[in-house]
PDB file of all heavy atoms in Angstrom:
ATOM      1  N   ASP A   1       0.000  13.741  -0.903  1.00  0.00           N
ATOM      2  CA  ASP A   1       0.304  12.330  -1.105  1.00  0.00           C
ATOM      3  C   ASP A   1       0.036  11.522   0.124  1.00  0.00           C
ATOM      4  O   ASP A   1       0.498  10.385   0.346  1.00  0.00           O
ATOM      5  CB  ASP A   1       1.787  12.005  -1.609  1.00  0.00           C
ATOM      6  CG  ASP A   1       2.744  12.466  -0.553  1.00  0.00           C
ATOM      7  OD1 ASP A   1       2.346  13.296   0.357  1.00  0.00           O
ATOM      8  OD2 ASP A   1       3.908  12.060  -0.499  1.00  0.00           O
ATOM      9  N   GLU A   2      -0.945  12.011   0.987  1.00  0.00           N
ATOM     10  CA  GLU A   2      -1.192  11.393   2.192  1.00  0.00           C
ATOM     11  C   GLU A   2      -2.592  10.657   2.149  1.00  0.00           C
ATOM     12  O   GLU A   2      -3.559  11.281   1.759  1.00  0.00           O
ATOM     13  CB  GLU A   2      -1.291  12.376   3.401  1.00  0.00           C
ATOM     14  CG  GLU A   2      -1.429  11.725   4.688  1.00  0.00           C
ATOM     15  CD  GLU A   2      -1.155  12.672   5.818  1.00  0.00           C
ATOM     16  OE1 GLU A   2      -2.104  13.473   6.148  1.00  0.00           O
ATOM     17  OE2 GLU A   2      -0.043  12.787   6.383  1.00  0.00           O
ATOM     18  N   PHE A   3      -2.579   9.441   2.465  1.00  0.00           N
ATOM     19  CA  PHE A   3      -3.833   8.570   2.513  1.00  0.00           C
ATOM     20  C   PHE A   3      -4.120   8.076   3.852  1.00  0.00           C
ATOM     21  O   PHE A   3      -3.131   8.028   4.701  1.00  0.00           O
ATOM     22  CB  PHE A   3      -3.645   7.376   1.523  1.00  0.00           C
ATOM     23  CG  PHE A   3      -3.492   7.910   0.108  1.00  0.00           C
ATOM     24  CD1 PHE A   3      -2.313   8.254  -0.376  1.00  0.00           C
ATOM     25  CD2 PHE A   3      -4.677   7.768  -0.729  1.00  0.00           C
ATOM     26  CE1 PHE A   3      -2.237   8.566  -1.763  1.00  0.00           C
ATOM     27  CE2 PHE A   3      -4.534   8.192  -2.109  1.00  0.00           C
ATOM     28  CZ  PHE A   3      -3.310   8.579  -2.635  1.00  0.00           C
ATOM     29  N   ILE A   4      -5.324   7.657   4.120  1.00  0.00           N
ATOM     30  CA  ILE A   4      -5.603   7.017   5.440  1.00  0.00           C
ATOM     31  C   ILE A   4      -6.628   5.999   5.248  1.00  0.00           C
ATOM     32  O   ILE A   4      -7.503   6.039   4.359  1.00  0.00           O
ATOM     33  CB  ILE A   4      -6.087   8.147   6.483  1.00  0.00           C
ATOM     34  CG1 ILE A   4      -6.166   7.596   7.832  1.00  0.00           C
ATOM     35  CG2 ILE A   4      -7.472   8.640   6.065  1.00  0.00           C
ATOM     36  CD1 ILE A   4      -6.099   8.718   8.948  1.00  0.00           C
ATOM     37  N   LEU A   5      -6.554   4.957   6.083  1.00  0.00           N
ATOM     38  CA  LEU A   5      -7.373   3.738   5.969  1.00  0.00           C
ATOM     39  C   LEU A   5      -8.011   3.452   7.328  1.00  0.00           C
ATOM     40  O   LEU A   5      -7.306   3.473   8.367  1.00  0.00           O
ATOM     41  CB  LEU A   5      -6.571   2.595   5.459  1.00  0.00           C
ATOM     42  CG  LEU A   5      -7.163   1.177   5.470  1.00  0.00           C
ATOM     43  CD1 LEU A   5      -8.271   1.143   4.404  1.00  0.00           C
ATOM     44  CD2 LEU A   5      -6.189   0.078   5.241  1.00  0.00           C
ATOM     45  N   LEU A   6      -9.204   3.050   7.341  1.00  0.00           N
ATOM     46  CA  LEU A   6      -9.931   2.606   8.464  1.00  0.00           C
ATOM     47  C   LEU A   6     -10.152   1.033   8.242  1.00  0.00           C
ATOM     48  O   LEU A   6     -10.985   0.665   7.449  1.00  0.00           O
ATOM     49  CB  LEU A   6     -11.236   3.269   8.767  1.00  0.00           C
ATOM     50  CG  LEU A   6     -11.982   2.719   9.983  1.00  0.00           C
ATOM     51  CD1 LEU A   6     -11.206   2.909  11.273  1.00  0.00           C
ATOM     52  CD2 LEU A   6     -13.368   3.517  10.141  1.00  0.00           C
ATOM     53  N   HIS A   7      -9.197   0.311   8.888  1.00  0.00           N
ATOM     54  CA  HIS A   7      -9.269  -1.152   8.632  1.00  0.00           C
ATOM     55  C   HIS A   7     -10.258  -1.714   9.497  1.00  0.00           C
ATOM     56  O   HIS A   7     -10.347  -1.412  10.723  1.00  0.00           O
ATOM     57  CB  HIS A   7      -7.865  -1.787   8.886  1.00  0.00           C
ATOM     58  CG  HIS A   7      -7.752  -3.197   8.682  1.00  0.00           C
ATOM     59  ND1 HIS A   7      -8.153  -3.864   7.575  1.00  0.00           N
ATOM     60  CD2 HIS A   7      -7.159  -4.152   9.545  1.00  0.00           C
ATOM     61  CE1 HIS A   7      -7.863  -5.140   7.745  1.00  0.00           C
ATOM     62  NE2 HIS A   7      -7.319  -5.353   8.869  1.00  0.00           N
ATOM     63  N   GLY A   8     -11.010  -2.757   8.952  1.00  0.00           N
ATOM     64  CA  GLY A   8     -12.149  -3.255   9.817  1.00  0.00           C
ATOM     65  C   GLY A   8     -11.810  -4.179  10.907  1.00  0.00           C
ATOM     66  O   GLY A   8     -12.714  -4.620  11.581  1.00  0.00           O
ATOM     67  N   SER A   9     -10.500  -4.527  11.127  1.00  0.00           N
ATOM     68  CA  SER A   9     -10.163  -5.345  12.267  1.00  0.00           C
ATOM     69  C   SER A   9      -9.283  -4.578  13.239  1.00  0.00           C
ATOM     70  O   SER A   9      -8.318  -3.910  12.793  1.00  0.00           O
ATOM     71  CB  SER A   9      -9.452  -6.612  11.692  1.00  0.00           C
ATOM     72  OG  SER A   9      -8.954  -7.387  12.752  1.00  0.00           O
ATOM     73  N   GLY A  10      -9.511  -4.784  14.527  1.00  0.00           N
ATOM     74  CA  GLY A  10      -8.629  -4.204  15.544  1.00  0.00           C
ATOM     75  C   GLY A  10      -7.539  -5.107  15.980  1.00  0.00           C
ATOM     76  O   GLY A  10      -6.971  -4.867  16.961  1.00  0.00           O
ATOM     77  N   ASP A  11      -7.303  -6.178  15.163  1.00  0.00           N
ATOM     78  CA  ASP A  11      -6.302  -7.158  15.498  1.00  0.00           C
ATOM     79  C   ASP A  11      -4.972  -6.743  15.010  1.00  0.00           C
ATOM     80  O   ASP A  11      -4.791  -6.270  13.806  1.00  0.00           O
ATOM     81  CB  ASP A  11      -6.704  -8.524  14.957  1.00  0.00           C
ATOM     82  CG  ASP A  11      -5.689  -9.628  15.165  1.00  0.00           C
ATOM     83  OD1 ASP A  11      -5.573 -10.060  16.366  1.00  0.00           O
ATOM     84  OD2 ASP A  11      -5.038  -9.937  14.151  1.00  0.00           O
ATOM     85  N   VAL A  12      -3.926  -6.892  15.819  1.00  0.00           N
ATOM     86  CA  VAL A  12      -2.547  -6.473  15.469  1.00  0.00           C
ATOM     87  C   VAL A  12      -2.086  -7.278  14.178  1.00  0.00           C
ATOM     88  O   VAL A  12      -1.488  -6.665  13.278  1.00  0.00           O
ATOM     89  CB  VAL A  12      -1.628  -6.618  16.595  1.00  0.00           C
ATOM     90  CG1 VAL A  12      -0.124  -6.406  16.197  1.00  0.00           C
ATOM     91  CG2 VAL A  12      -1.967  -5.692  17.743  1.00  0.00           C
ATOM     92  N   ALA A  13      -2.286  -8.497  14.252  1.00  0.00           N
ATOM     93  CA  ALA A  13      -1.858  -9.379  13.189  1.00  0.00           C
ATOM     94  C   ALA A  13      -2.484  -9.031  11.858  1.00  0.00           C
ATOM     95  O   ALA A  13      -1.791  -8.947  10.828  1.00  0.00           O
ATOM     96  CB  ALA A  13      -2.070 -10.846  13.524  1.00  0.00           C
ATOM     97  N   SER A  14      -3.723  -8.772  11.934  1.00  0.00           N
ATOM     98  CA  SER A  14      -4.501  -8.379  10.636  1.00  0.00           C
ATOM     99  C   SER A  14      -3.961  -7.062  10.125  1.00  0.00           C
ATOM    100  O   SER A  14      -3.785  -6.840   8.875  1.00  0.00           O
ATOM    101  CB  SER A  14      -6.005  -8.380  10.869  1.00  0.00           C
ATOM    102  OG  SER A  14      -6.677  -7.898   9.765  1.00  0.00           O
ATOM    103  N   SER A  15      -3.830  -6.157  10.998  1.00  0.00           N
ATOM    104  CA  SER A  15      -3.352  -4.771  10.701  1.00  0.00           C
ATOM    105  C   SER A  15      -1.908  -4.856  10.126  1.00  0.00           C
ATOM    106  O   SER A  15      -1.553  -4.182   9.081  1.00  0.00           O
ATOM    107  CB  SER A  15      -3.330  -3.871  11.885  1.00  0.00           C
ATOM    108  OG  SER A  15      -4.647  -3.754  12.360  1.00  0.00           O
ATOM    109  N   ARG A  16      -1.068  -5.687  10.674  1.00  0.00           N
ATOM    110  CA  ARG A  16       0.272  -5.775  10.193  1.00  0.00           C
ATOM    111  C   ARG A  16       0.232  -6.448   8.770  1.00  0.00           C
ATOM    112  O   ARG A  16       0.976  -5.947   7.933  1.00  0.00           O
ATOM    113  CB  ARG A  16       1.094  -6.732  11.148  1.00  0.00           C
ATOM    114  CG  ARG A  16       2.465  -6.992  10.655  1.00  0.00           C
ATOM    115  CD  ARG A  16       3.199  -7.960  11.595  1.00  0.00           C
ATOM    116  NE  ARG A  16       3.227  -7.394  13.001  1.00  0.00           N
ATOM    117  CZ  ARG A  16       4.158  -6.663  13.429  1.00  0.00           C
ATOM    118  NH1 ARG A  16       5.196  -6.277  12.661  1.00  0.00           N
ATOM    119  NH2 ARG A  16       4.142  -6.188  14.721  1.00  0.00           N
ATOM    120  N   GLN A  17      -0.591  -7.440   8.614  1.00  0.00           N
ATOM    121  CA  GLN A  17      -0.724  -8.048   7.334  1.00  0.00           C
ATOM    122  C   GLN A  17      -1.195  -7.064   6.197  1.00  0.00           C
ATOM    123  O   GLN A  17      -0.635  -7.021   5.067  1.00  0.00           O
ATOM    124  CB  GLN A  17      -1.640  -9.244   7.374  1.00  0.00           C
ATOM    125  CG  GLN A  17      -1.728 -10.048   6.057  1.00  0.00           C
ATOM    126  CD  GLN A  17      -2.645 -11.301   6.226  1.00  0.00           C
ATOM    127  OE1 GLN A  17      -3.512 -11.299   7.100  1.00  0.00           O
ATOM    128  NE2 GLN A  17      -2.566 -12.244   5.335  1.00  0.00           N
ATOM    129  N   THR A  18      -2.116  -6.222   6.573  1.00  0.00           N
ATOM    130  CA  THR A  18      -2.658  -5.305   5.620  1.00  0.00           C
ATOM    131  C   THR A  18      -1.687  -4.241   5.352  1.00  0.00           C
ATOM    132  O   THR A  18      -1.415  -3.820   4.109  1.00  0.00           O
ATOM    133  CB  THR A  18      -3.929  -4.564   6.216  1.00  0.00           C
ATOM    134  OG1 THR A  18      -4.896  -5.542   6.452  1.00  0.00           O
ATOM    135  CG2 THR A  18      -4.431  -3.462   5.261  1.00  0.00           C
ATOM    136  N   ALA A  19      -0.930  -3.784   6.333  1.00  0.00           N
ATOM    137  CA  ALA A  19       0.200  -2.769   6.068  1.00  0.00           C
ATOM    138  C   ALA A  19       1.325  -3.262   5.126  1.00  0.00           C
ATOM    139  O   ALA A  19       1.794  -2.608   4.270  1.00  0.00           O
ATOM    140  CB  ALA A  19       0.779  -2.221   7.348  1.00  0.00           C
ATOM    141  N   GLU A  20       1.693  -4.540   5.447  1.00  0.00           N
ATOM    142  CA  GLU A  20       2.712  -5.239   4.526  1.00  0.00           C
ATOM    143  C   GLU A  20       2.114  -5.326   3.147  1.00  0.00           C
ATOM    144  O   GLU A  20       2.955  -5.123   2.212  1.00  0.00           O
ATOM    145  CB  GLU A  20       3.024  -6.574   5.092  1.00  0.00           C
ATOM    146  CG  GLU A  20       3.813  -6.557   6.445  1.00  0.00           C
ATOM    147  CD  GLU A  20       4.016  -7.887   7.085  1.00  0.00           C
ATOM    148  OE1 GLU A  20       3.281  -8.861   6.674  1.00  0.00           O
ATOM    149  OE2 GLU A  20       4.817  -8.005   8.042  1.00  0.00           O
ATOM    150  N   ALA A  21       0.889  -5.610   2.964  1.00  0.00           N
ATOM    151  CA  ALA A  21       0.345  -5.809   1.595  1.00  0.00           C
ATOM    152  C   ALA A  21       0.411  -4.428   0.916  1.00  0.00           C
ATOM    153  O   ALA A  21       0.685  -4.375  -0.302  1.00  0.00           O
ATOM    154  CB  ALA A  21      -1.073  -6.365   1.716  1.00  0.00           C
ATOM    155  N   ILE A  22       0.013  -3.392   1.591  1.00  0.00           N
ATOM    156  CA  ILE A  22       0.052  -2.010   0.993  1.00  0.00           C
ATOM    157  C   ILE A  22       1.385  -1.650   0.592  1.00  0.00           C
ATOM    158  O   ILE A  22       1.621  -1.134  -0.534  1.00  0.00           O
ATOM    159  CB  ILE A  22      -0.541  -1.013   1.976  1.00  0.00           C
ATOM    160  CG1 ILE A  22      -2.095  -1.204   2.255  1.00  0.00           C
ATOM    161  CG2 ILE A  22      -0.210   0.433   1.544  1.00  0.00           C
ATOM    162  CD1 ILE A  22      -2.655  -0.390   3.264  1.00  0.00           C
ATOM    163  N   ILE A  23       2.428  -1.838   1.482  1.00  0.00           N
ATOM    164  CA  ILE A  23       3.763  -1.482   1.187  1.00  0.00           C
ATOM    165  C   ILE A  23       4.288  -2.278  -0.124  1.00  0.00           C
ATOM    166  O   ILE A  23       4.930  -1.743  -0.907  1.00  0.00           O
ATOM    167  CB  ILE A  23       4.632  -1.748   2.318  1.00  0.00           C
ATOM    168  CG1 ILE A  23       4.354  -0.653   3.457  1.00  0.00           C
ATOM    169  CG2 ILE A  23       6.124  -1.561   2.013  1.00  0.00           C
ATOM    170  CD1 ILE A  23       5.132  -0.893   4.763  1.00  0.00           C
ATOM    171  N   ASP A  24       4.032  -3.545  -0.137  1.00  0.00           N
ATOM    172  CA  ASP A  24       4.391  -4.466  -1.190  1.00  0.00           C
ATOM    173  C   ASP A  24       3.685  -4.012  -2.555  1.00  0.00           C
ATOM    174  O   ASP A  24       4.319  -3.902  -3.608  1.00  0.00           O
ATOM    175  CB  ASP A  24       4.020  -5.880  -0.927  1.00  0.00           C
ATOM    176  CG  ASP A  24       4.463  -6.771  -2.002  1.00  0.00           C
ATOM    177  OD1 ASP A  24       5.647  -6.951  -2.270  1.00  0.00           O
ATOM    178  OD2 ASP A  24       3.564  -7.451  -2.654  1.00  0.00           O
ATOM    179  N   THR A  25       2.453  -3.722  -2.398  1.00  0.00           N
ATOM    180  CA  THR A  25       1.702  -3.263  -3.605  1.00  0.00           C
ATOM    181  C   THR A  25       2.207  -1.967  -4.257  1.00  0.00           C
ATOM    182  O   THR A  25       2.387  -1.848  -5.417  1.00  0.00           O
ATOM    183  CB  THR A  25       0.191  -3.128  -3.350  1.00  0.00           C
ATOM    184  OG1 THR A  25      -0.320  -4.440  -2.910  1.00  0.00           O
ATOM    185  CG2 THR A  25      -0.605  -2.728  -4.544  1.00  0.00           C
ATOM    186  N   LEU A  26       2.430  -1.012  -3.285  1.00  0.00           N
ATOM    187  CA  LEU A  26       2.864   0.371  -3.823  1.00  0.00           C
ATOM    188  C   LEU A  26       4.344   0.346  -4.188  1.00  0.00           C
ATOM    189  O   LEU A  26       4.849   1.380  -4.795  1.00  0.00           O
ATOM    190  CB  LEU A  26       2.550   1.353  -2.799  1.00  0.00           C
ATOM    191  CG  LEU A  26       1.050   1.582  -2.541  1.00  0.00           C
ATOM    192  CD1 LEU A  26       0.784   2.763  -1.542  1.00  0.00           C
ATOM    193  CD2 LEU A  26       0.217   1.719  -3.755  1.00  0.00           C
ATOM    194  N   SER A  27       5.183  -0.652  -3.773  1.00  0.00           N
ATOM    195  CA  SER A  27       6.597  -0.631  -4.099  1.00  0.00           C
ATOM    196  C   SER A  27       6.730  -1.159  -5.603  1.00  0.00           C
ATOM    197  O   SER A  27       7.748  -0.961  -6.148  1.00  0.00           O
ATOM    198  CB  SER A  27       7.267  -1.626  -3.233  1.00  0.00           C
ATOM    199  OG  SER A  27       6.915  -2.950  -3.363  1.00  0.00           O
ATOM    200  N   GLN A  28       5.739  -1.743  -6.141  1.00  0.00           N
ATOM    201  CA  GLN A  28       5.762  -2.183  -7.567  1.00  0.00           C
ATOM    202  C   GLN A  28       5.562  -0.977  -8.449  1.00  0.00           C
ATOM    203  O   GLN A  28       4.915   0.015  -8.169  1.00  0.00           O
ATOM    204  CB  GLN A  28       4.662  -3.212  -7.903  1.00  0.00           C
ATOM    205  CG  GLN A  28       4.752  -4.438  -7.032  1.00  0.00           C
ATOM    206  CD  GLN A  28       3.566  -5.343  -7.218  1.00  0.00           C
ATOM    207  OE1 GLN A  28       2.898  -5.361  -8.206  1.00  0.00           O
ATOM    208  NE2 GLN A  28       3.230  -6.139  -6.031  1.00  0.00           N
ATOM    209  N   ARG A  29       6.344  -0.933  -9.495  1.00  0.00           N
ATOM    210  CA  ARG A  29       6.430   0.213 -10.421  1.00  0.00           C
ATOM    211  C   ARG A  29       5.063   0.545 -11.042  1.00  0.00           C
ATOM    212  O   ARG A  29       4.278  -0.319 -11.314  1.00  0.00           O
ATOM    213  CB  ARG A  29       7.445   0.032 -11.533  1.00  0.00           C
ATOM    214  CG  ARG A  29       8.892  -0.251 -10.998  1.00  0.00           C
ATOM    215  CD  ARG A  29       9.906  -0.271 -12.039  1.00  0.00           C
ATOM    216  NE  ARG A  29      10.214   1.109 -12.464  1.00  0.00           N
ATOM    217  CZ  ARG A  29      11.061   1.941 -11.875  1.00  0.00           C
ATOM    218  NH1 ARG A  29      11.726   1.564 -10.873  1.00  0.00           N
ATOM    219  NH2 ARG A  29      11.209   3.150 -12.471  1.00  0.00           N
ATOM    220  N   PHE A  30       4.854   1.834 -11.270  1.00  0.00           N
ATOM    221  CA  PHE A  30       3.712   2.360 -11.937  1.00  0.00           C
ATOM    222  C   PHE A  30       4.050   2.810 -13.313  1.00  0.00           C
ATOM    223  O   PHE A  30       5.090   3.439 -13.591  1.00  0.00           O
ATOM    224  CB  PHE A  30       3.079   3.532 -11.155  1.00  0.00           C
ATOM    225  CG  PHE A  30       2.478   3.173  -9.797  1.00  0.00           C
ATOM    226  CD1 PHE A  30       3.329   3.019  -8.738  1.00  0.00           C
ATOM    227  CD2 PHE A  30       1.183   2.949  -9.700  1.00  0.00           C
ATOM    228  CE1 PHE A  30       2.834   2.768  -7.477  1.00  0.00           C
ATOM    229  CE2 PHE A  30       0.570   2.651  -8.467  1.00  0.00           C
ATOM    230  CZ  PHE A  30       1.413   2.543  -7.399  1.00  0.00           C
ATOM    231  N   LEU A  31       3.159   2.581 -14.246  1.00  0.00           N
ATOM    232  CA  LEU A  31       3.378   3.082 -15.596  1.00  0.00           C
ATOM    233  C   LEU A  31       2.298   4.222 -15.760  1.00  0.00           C
ATOM    234  O   LEU A  31       1.141   4.049 -15.834  1.00  0.00           O
ATOM    235  CB  LEU A  31       3.051   1.901 -16.679  1.00  0.00           C
ATOM    236  CG  LEU A  31       3.229   2.454 -18.111  1.00  0.00           C
ATOM    237  CD1 LEU A  31       4.776   2.722 -18.351  1.00  0.00           C
ATOM    238  CD2 LEU A  31       2.850   1.259 -19.119  1.00  0.00           C
ATOM    239  N   VAL A  32       2.932   5.481 -15.898  1.00  0.00           N
ATOM    240  CA  VAL A  32       2.112   6.681 -15.942  1.00  0.00           C
ATOM    241  C   VAL A  32       2.545   7.370 -17.252  1.00  0.00           C
ATOM    242  O   VAL A  32       3.674   7.935 -17.321  1.00  0.00           O
ATOM    243  CB  VAL A  32       2.341   7.555 -14.765  1.00  0.00           C
ATOM    244  CG1 VAL A  32       1.567   8.869 -14.877  1.00  0.00           C
ATOM    245  CG2 VAL A  32       2.060   6.757 -13.451  1.00  0.00           C
ATOM    246  N   GLU A  33       1.680   7.362 -18.185  1.00  0.00           N
ATOM    247  CA  GLU A  33       1.892   8.063 -19.510  1.00  0.00           C
ATOM    248  C   GLU A  33       3.258   7.703 -20.075  1.00  0.00           C
ATOM    249  O   GLU A  33       4.133   8.523 -20.402  1.00  0.00           O
ATOM    250  CB  GLU A  33       1.847   9.604 -19.355  1.00  0.00           C
ATOM    251  CG  GLU A  33       0.425  10.105 -18.943  1.00  0.00           C
ATOM    252  CD  GLU A  33       0.277  11.597 -18.915  1.00  0.00           C
ATOM    253  OE1 GLU A  33       1.243  12.221 -19.443  1.00  0.00           O
ATOM    254  OE2 GLU A  33      -0.711  12.068 -18.385  1.00  0.00           O
ATOM    255  N   GLU A  34       3.476   6.415 -20.180  1.00  0.00           N
ATOM    256  CA  GLU A  34       4.671   5.761 -20.716  1.00  0.00           C
ATOM    257  C   GLU A  34       5.950   6.002 -19.919  1.00  0.00           C
ATOM    258  O   GLU A  34       7.027   5.816 -20.320  1.00  0.00           O
ATOM    259  CB  GLU A  34       4.916   6.254 -22.172  1.00  0.00           C
ATOM    260  CG  GLU A  34       3.783   5.957 -23.115  1.00  0.00           C
ATOM    261  CD  GLU A  34       4.003   6.425 -24.461  1.00  0.00           C
ATOM    262  OE1 GLU A  34       5.005   7.054 -24.721  1.00  0.00           O
ATOM    263  OE2 GLU A  34       3.238   5.977 -25.370  1.00  0.00           O
ATOM    264  N   ARG A  35       5.805   6.517 -18.612  1.00  0.00           N
ATOM    265  CA  ARG A  35       6.927   6.557 -17.674  1.00  0.00           C
ATOM    266  C   ARG A  35       6.810   5.555 -16.698  1.00  0.00           C
ATOM    267  O   ARG A  35       5.726   5.387 -16.032  1.00  0.00           O
ATOM    268  CB  ARG A  35       6.975   7.998 -17.073  1.00  0.00           C
ATOM    269  CG  ARG A  35       7.182   9.177 -18.154  1.00  0.00           C
ATOM    270  CD  ARG A  35       7.209  10.459 -17.408  1.00  0.00           C
ATOM    271  NE  ARG A  35       7.544  11.557 -18.314  1.00  0.00           N
ATOM    272  CZ  ARG A  35       6.751  12.199 -18.989  1.00  0.00           C
ATOM    273  NH1 ARG A  35       5.479  11.888 -19.013  1.00  0.00           N
ATOM    274  NH2 ARG A  35       7.168  13.141 -19.813  1.00  0.00           N
ATOM    275  N   SER A  36       7.890   4.899 -16.401  1.00  0.00           N
ATOM    276  CA  SER A  36       7.949   3.876 -15.280  1.00  0.00           C
ATOM    277  C   SER A  36       8.398   4.573 -14.027  1.00  0.00           C
ATOM    278  O   SER A  36       9.532   4.980 -13.948  1.00  0.00           O
ATOM    279  CB  SER A  36       8.866   2.677 -15.681  1.00  0.00           C
ATOM    280  OG  SER A  36       8.894   1.761 -14.672  1.00  0.00           O
ATOM    281  N   LEU A  37       7.448   4.644 -13.120  1.00  0.00           N
ATOM    282  CA  LEU A  37       7.760   5.380 -11.819  1.00  0.00           C
ATOM    283  C   LEU A  37       7.781   4.448 -10.696  1.00  0.00           C
ATOM    284  O   LEU A  37       6.987   3.518 -10.574  1.00  0.00           O
ATOM    285  CB  LEU A  37       6.697   6.542 -11.652  1.00  0.00           C
ATOM    286  CG  LEU A  37       6.599   7.480 -12.775  1.00  0.00           C
ATOM    287  CD1 LEU A  37       5.467   8.519 -12.428  1.00  0.00           C
ATOM    288  CD2 LEU A  37       7.880   8.220 -13.063  1.00  0.00           C
ATOM    289  N   SER A  38       8.616   4.791  -9.703  1.00  0.00           N
ATOM    290  CA  SER A  38       8.730   3.951  -8.494  1.00  0.00           C
ATOM    291  C   SER A  38       8.643   4.836  -7.271  1.00  0.00           C
ATOM    292  O   SER A  38       9.258   5.857  -7.188  1.00  0.00           O
ATOM    293  CB  SER A  38      10.046   3.183  -8.472  1.00  0.00           C
ATOM    294  OG  SER A  38      10.239   2.483  -7.254  1.00  0.00           O
ATOM    295  N   VAL A  39       7.744   4.410  -6.354  1.00  0.00           N
ATOM    296  CA  VAL A  39       7.558   5.149  -5.070  1.00  0.00           C
ATOM    297  C   VAL A  39       7.624   4.111  -3.955  1.00  0.00           C
ATOM    298  O   VAL A  39       7.350   2.909  -4.205  1.00  0.00           O
ATOM    299  CB  VAL A  39       6.248   6.011  -5.018  1.00  0.00           C
ATOM    300  CG1 VAL A  39       6.326   7.139  -5.982  1.00  0.00           C
ATOM    301  CG2 VAL A  39       5.098   5.124  -5.141  1.00  0.00           C
TER     302      VAL A  39
END
């Protein structure tokens, strides 16, 4: 379950914004074969 990203900006603010967006996106529930899953 390990992923890695090469973000195109070396800017702290941009990296922070991207990380926050990833956490927010993946915190939303997933519907997998009629099961509502949260990670």
